[in-house]
Amino acid sequence: YIRQIRLKARQKEGELRLETLRGQMNPHFIFNSLNSINYFISGNDKLSANQYISDFSRLIRSILSNLSNDYILLEKEIISLQDYLKMEHLRFGDKFNYSLENGKMGNMTQVMVFPGMVQPFVENAIWHGVRGLEERLGMIRVEFIPAGPGFIRCIVEDDGIGRKMSEITKNELPGKKSQGIGIVTERLKVINNLRKTNYRITIEDKFSDREETGTRVNIDIPVRVE
């Protein structure tokens, strides 16, 4: 009976990994990326077009490769996030700057992580956080830190308009509704049930005393050390 429960949990995790892949390869992302390439070409900005095509193809390859595995090297996950942030910054560079930090992780050559756990939250910070800013440039910070036995933590912070204002203005600002966050949350629930762990995702206002509160997300990512 216990074996059957575990088997069903593993099957569910496999299904959710495929859903994560579909979420990151969604038609909106592909369509917007191709539109951006067309924009650079029509503006005769060959350098930006070539850079965007290079980043786009590398990101697609890494998404397909990463999400076909239960665990990948943390270094690979970080490279994939860098490519995604570079692409979005090339498109929305007038809206935000970003940093991606992993200095506290030490030697990453031995650290294997669940793939695809962070990108949906970075996407949300861009599309529903800093894109809504009107008179200033936003900042997105992504940091990986050691957290405890069996997991690390990723912090995704933005100083954008915040959850409340994003909800109010969602009909005014064209964008997309990502299901990626719900899928990642469900993946953690499956793993918690399977391993009797308590991995969590917490979302809070970064600046609770400001109108534009920003958002901070803490994501527990299961790891395996080789």
Protein backbone atom coordinates (compact mmCIF):
# COMPACT_ATOMS: atom_id res chain seq x y z
CA TYR A 1 0.00 0.00 0.00
CA ILE A 2 2.79 2.43 0.96
CA ARG A 3 4.69 1.47 -2.19
CA GLN A 4 1.60 2.29 -4.28
CA ILE A 5 1.26 5.68 -2.60
CA ARG A 6 4.90 6.48 -3.30
CA LEU A 7 4.57 5.33 -6.89
CA LYS A 8 1.55 7.58 -7.42
CA ALA A 9 3.44 10.49 -5.84
CA ARG A 10 6.38 9.96 -8.18
CA GLN A 11 4.03 9.75 -11.16
CA LYS A 12 2.40 13.00 -10.04
CA GLU A 13 5.81 14.65 -9.76
CA GLY A 14 6.61 13.53 -13.30
CA GLU A 15 3.35 15.00 -14.55
CA LEU A 16 4.02 18.28 -12.76
CA ARG A 17 7.52 18.50 -14.25
CA LEU A 18 5.93 18.22 -17.68
CA GLU A 19 3.43 20.92 -16.72
CA THR A 20 6.34 23.12 -15.65
CA LEU A 21 7.94 22.55 -19.03
CA ARG A 22 4.71 23.46 -20.81
CA GLY A 23 4.37 26.56 -18.62
CA GLN A 24 7.84 27.83 -19.46
CA MET A 25 7.40 26.99 -23.15
CA ASN A 26 3.94 28.56 -23.32
CA PRO A 27 2.74 30.16 -26.58
CA HIS A 28 2.79 33.67 -25.06
CA PHE A 29 6.51 33.36 -24.31
CA ILE A 30 7.34 32.04 -27.80
CA PHE A 31 5.11 34.63 -29.50
CA ASN A 32 6.50 37.55 -27.52
CA SER A 33 10.07 36.41 -28.12
CA LEU A 34 9.52 36.19 -31.89
CA ASN A 35 7.85 39.60 -31.84
CA SER A 36 10.88 41.04 -30.08
CA ILE A 37 13.21 39.54 -32.68
CA ASN A 38 11.03 41.02 -35.42
CA TYR A 39 11.09 44.41 -33.64
CA PHE A 40 14.88 44.50 -33.57
CA ILE A 41 15.15 43.40 -37.20
CA SER A 42 12.59 45.95 -38.43
CA GLY A 43 14.50 48.66 -36.55
CA ASN A 44 17.70 47.51 -38.25
CA ASP A 45 19.20 46.70 -34.86
CA LYS A 46 21.08 43.64 -36.05
CA LEU A 47 23.30 43.42 -32.97
CA SER A 48 20.34 43.22 -30.58
CA ALA A 49 18.51 40.82 -32.90
CA ASN A 50 21.50 38.48 -33.06
CA GLN A 51 21.98 38.64 -29.30
CA TYR A 52 18.31 37.96 -28.67
CA ILE A 53 18.23 35.00 -31.07
CA SER A 54 21.33 33.56 -29.42
CA ASP A 55 19.89 33.94 -25.91
CA PHE A 56 16.48 32.63 -27.03
CA SER A 57 17.89 29.46 -28.62
CA ARG A 58 20.15 28.77 -25.64
CA LEU A 59 17.27 29.25 -23.21
CA ILE A 60 14.99 26.90 -25.16
CA ARG A 61 17.70 24.23 -25.19
CA SER A 62 18.35 24.57 -21.47
CA ILE A 63 14.64 24.46 -20.56
CA LEU A 64 14.15 21.28 -22.59
CA SER A 65 17.29 19.70 -21.17
CA ASN A 66 16.82 20.75 -17.55
CA LEU A 67 13.21 19.72 -17.14
CA SER A 68 13.86 16.25 -18.53
CA ASN A 69 15.80 15.47 -15.33
CA ASP A 70 14.76 15.11 -11.69
CA TYR A 71 17.86 17.03 -10.59
CA ILE A 72 20.33 19.26 -12.41
CA LEU A 73 23.49 21.07 -11.37
CA LEU A 74 22.71 24.36 -9.61
CA GLU A 75 25.14 26.00 -11.99
CA LYS A 76 22.96 24.96 -14.95
CA GLU A 77 19.83 26.32 -13.28
CA ILE A 78 21.57 29.65 -12.68
CA ILE A 79 22.73 29.85 -16.31
CA SER A 80 19.16 29.24 -17.47
CA LEU A 81 17.89 32.03 -15.21
CA GLN A 82 20.63 34.36 -16.47
CA ASP A 83 19.56 33.72 -20.06
CA TYR A 84 15.91 34.38 -19.19
CA LEU A 85 16.73 37.62 -17.36
CA LYS A 86 18.98 38.80 -20.20
CA MET A 87 16.20 38.24 -22.72
CA GLU A 88 13.56 40.04 -20.70
CA HIS A 89 15.98 42.88 -19.91
CA LEU A 90 16.75 43.31 -23.60
CA ARG A 91 13.01 43.66 -24.19
CA PHE A 92 12.08 45.69 -21.08
CA GLY A 93 15.41 47.39 -20.30
CA ASP A 94 13.58 50.67 -19.77
CA LYS A 95 11.68 49.07 -16.88
CA PHE A 96 14.25 47.30 -14.69
CA ASN A 97 17.79 46.25 -13.87
CA TYR A 98 18.64 42.98 -12.17
CA SER A 99 21.22 41.04 -10.20
CA LEU A 100 21.69 37.29 -9.74
CA GLU A 101 23.80 36.29 -6.73
CA ASN A 102 25.14 32.94 -5.54
CA GLY A 103 28.32 33.89 -3.67
CA LYS A 104 27.10 32.33 -0.41
CA MET A 105 26.71 28.91 -2.02
CA GLY A 106 30.46 28.18 -2.18
CA ASN A 107 31.41 25.25 -4.40
CA MET A 108 28.38 24.57 -6.62
CA THR A 109 29.89 21.69 -8.60
CA GLN A 110 28.42 19.14 -6.18
CA VAL A 111 24.97 20.69 -5.68
CA MET A 112 22.05 19.24 -7.67
CA VAL A 113 18.66 20.98 -7.52
CA PHE A 114 15.08 20.58 -8.70
CA PRO A 115 14.90 22.39 -12.08
CA GLY A 116 12.41 25.09 -13.04
CA MET A 117 11.46 26.16 -9.51
CA VAL A 118 12.52 29.82 -9.72
CA GLN A 119 11.76 31.09 -13.24
CA PRO A 120 7.97 31.50 -12.74
CA PHE A 121 8.60 33.85 -9.80
CA VAL A 122 11.15 35.90 -11.75
CA GLU A 123 8.64 36.10 -14.59
CA ASN A 124 5.98 37.30 -12.15
CA ALA A 125 8.32 39.95 -10.73
CA ILE A 126 8.88 41.32 -14.24
CA TRP A 127 5.38 41.13 -15.67
CA HIS A 128 3.37 42.05 -12.57
CA GLY A 129 5.92 44.00 -10.51
CA VAL A 130 8.41 46.27 -12.25
CA ARG A 131 6.53 46.57 -15.56
CA GLY A 132 3.86 48.57 -13.75
CA LEU A 133 6.32 51.29 -12.65
CA GLU A 134 5.84 54.66 -14.33
CA GLU A 135 8.52 57.12 -13.22
CA ARG A 136 11.48 55.04 -12.13
CA LEU A 137 13.54 52.01 -13.02
CA GLY A 138 12.77 48.86 -11.06
CA MET A 139 15.23 46.37 -9.60
CA ILE A 140 14.96 42.58 -9.46
CA ARG A 141 17.34 40.61 -7.25
CA VAL A 142 17.68 36.83 -7.27
CA GLU A 143 19.88 35.17 -4.65
CA PHE A 144 20.63 31.54 -3.80
CA ILE A 145 21.65 30.79 -0.20
CA PRO A 146 22.25 27.67 1.95
CA ALA A 147 19.19 26.98 4.08
CA GLY A 148 19.16 23.56 5.74
CA PRO A 149 19.54 19.81 5.30
CA GLY A 150 18.19 18.70 1.93
CA PHE A 151 17.36 22.11 0.48
CA ILE A 152 18.62 25.56 -0.44
CA ARG A 153 16.64 28.78 -0.62
CA CYS A 154 16.18 31.20 -3.47
CA ILE A 155 15.10 34.75 -2.71
CA VAL A 156 13.41 36.69 -5.51
CA GLU A 157 12.91 40.36 -4.68
CA ASP A 158 11.54 43.26 -6.68
CA ASP A 159 10.76 46.88 -5.81
CA GLY A 160 7.78 47.02 -8.13
CA ILE A 161 4.20 48.06 -7.56
CA GLY A 162 3.40 45.16 -5.23
CA ARG A 163 0.68 42.54 -5.12
CA LYS A 164 -2.22 44.82 -4.21
CA MET A 165 -1.58 47.42 -6.92
CA SER A 166 -0.84 44.70 -9.46
CA GLU A 167 -4.26 43.20 -8.81
CA ILE A 168 -5.91 46.63 -9.19
CA THR A 169 -4.13 47.46 -12.47
CA LYS A 170 -4.13 43.99 -14.06
CA ASN A 171 -6.81 44.99 -16.58
CA GLU A 172 -4.93 48.16 -17.58
CA LEU A 173 -1.50 46.61 -18.18
CA PRO A 174 -1.37 43.99 -20.95
CA GLY A 175 0.31 40.83 -19.79
CA LYS A 176 -0.17 37.17 -19.17
CA LYS A 177 -1.41 35.03 -16.35
CA SER A 178 1.18 32.38 -15.57
CA GLN A 179 0.20 29.06 -14.07
CA GLY A 180 3.83 28.33 -13.28
CA ILE A 181 3.67 29.43 -9.64
CA GLY A 182 0.76 27.10 -8.89
CA ILE A 183 2.59 24.23 -10.57
CA VAL A 184 5.77 24.82 -8.57
CA THR A 185 3.75 24.99 -5.34
CA GLU A 186 2.04 21.71 -6.21
CA ARG A 187 5.41 20.08 -6.96
CA LEU A 188 6.63 21.00 -3.47
CA LYS A 189 3.45 19.57 -1.92
CA VAL A 190 4.04 16.26 -3.70
CA ILE A 191 7.66 16.13 -2.52
CA ASN A 192 6.65 17.02 1.05
CA ASN A 193 4.14 14.17 1.08
CA LEU A 194 6.65 11.78 -0.44
CA ARG A 195 9.59 12.65 1.82
CA LYS A 196 7.76 13.88 4.93
CA THR A 197 9.49 17.25 4.58
CA ASN A 198 8.26 20.82 4.99
CA TYR A 199 9.61 22.74 1.99
CA ARG A 200 7.78 26.03 1.62
CA ILE A 201 7.21 29.06 -0.56
CA THR A 202 6.47 32.35 1.19
CA ILE A 203 5.42 35.59 -0.49
CA GLU A 204 5.39 38.94 1.31
CA ASP A 205 5.56 42.68 0.75
CA LYS A 206 9.13 43.94 0.68
CA PHE A 207 8.25 47.48 1.75
CA SER A 208 5.05 47.29 3.77
CA ASP A 209 5.22 51.03 4.61
CA ARG A 210 5.21 52.18 0.97
CA GLU A 211 2.48 52.48 -1.65
CA GLU A 212 4.65 50.53 -4.09
CA THR A 213 5.38 47.69 -1.69
CA GLY A 214 7.50 45.48 -3.94
CA THR A 215 7.50 41.73 -3.35
CA ARG A 216 9.81 39.20 -1.73
CA VAL A 217 9.51 35.47 -2.42
CA ASN A 218 11.40 32.76 -0.52
CA ILE A 219 11.51 29.42 -2.37
CA ASP A 220 12.78 26.21 -0.75
CA ILE A 221 14.45 24.08 -3.44
CA PRO A 222 15.14 20.39 -2.77
CA VAL A 223 18.78 19.46 -3.40
CA ARG A 224 20.95 16.41 -3.75
CA VAL A 225 24.69 16.53 -3.09
CA GLU A 226 26.76 14.27 -5.33
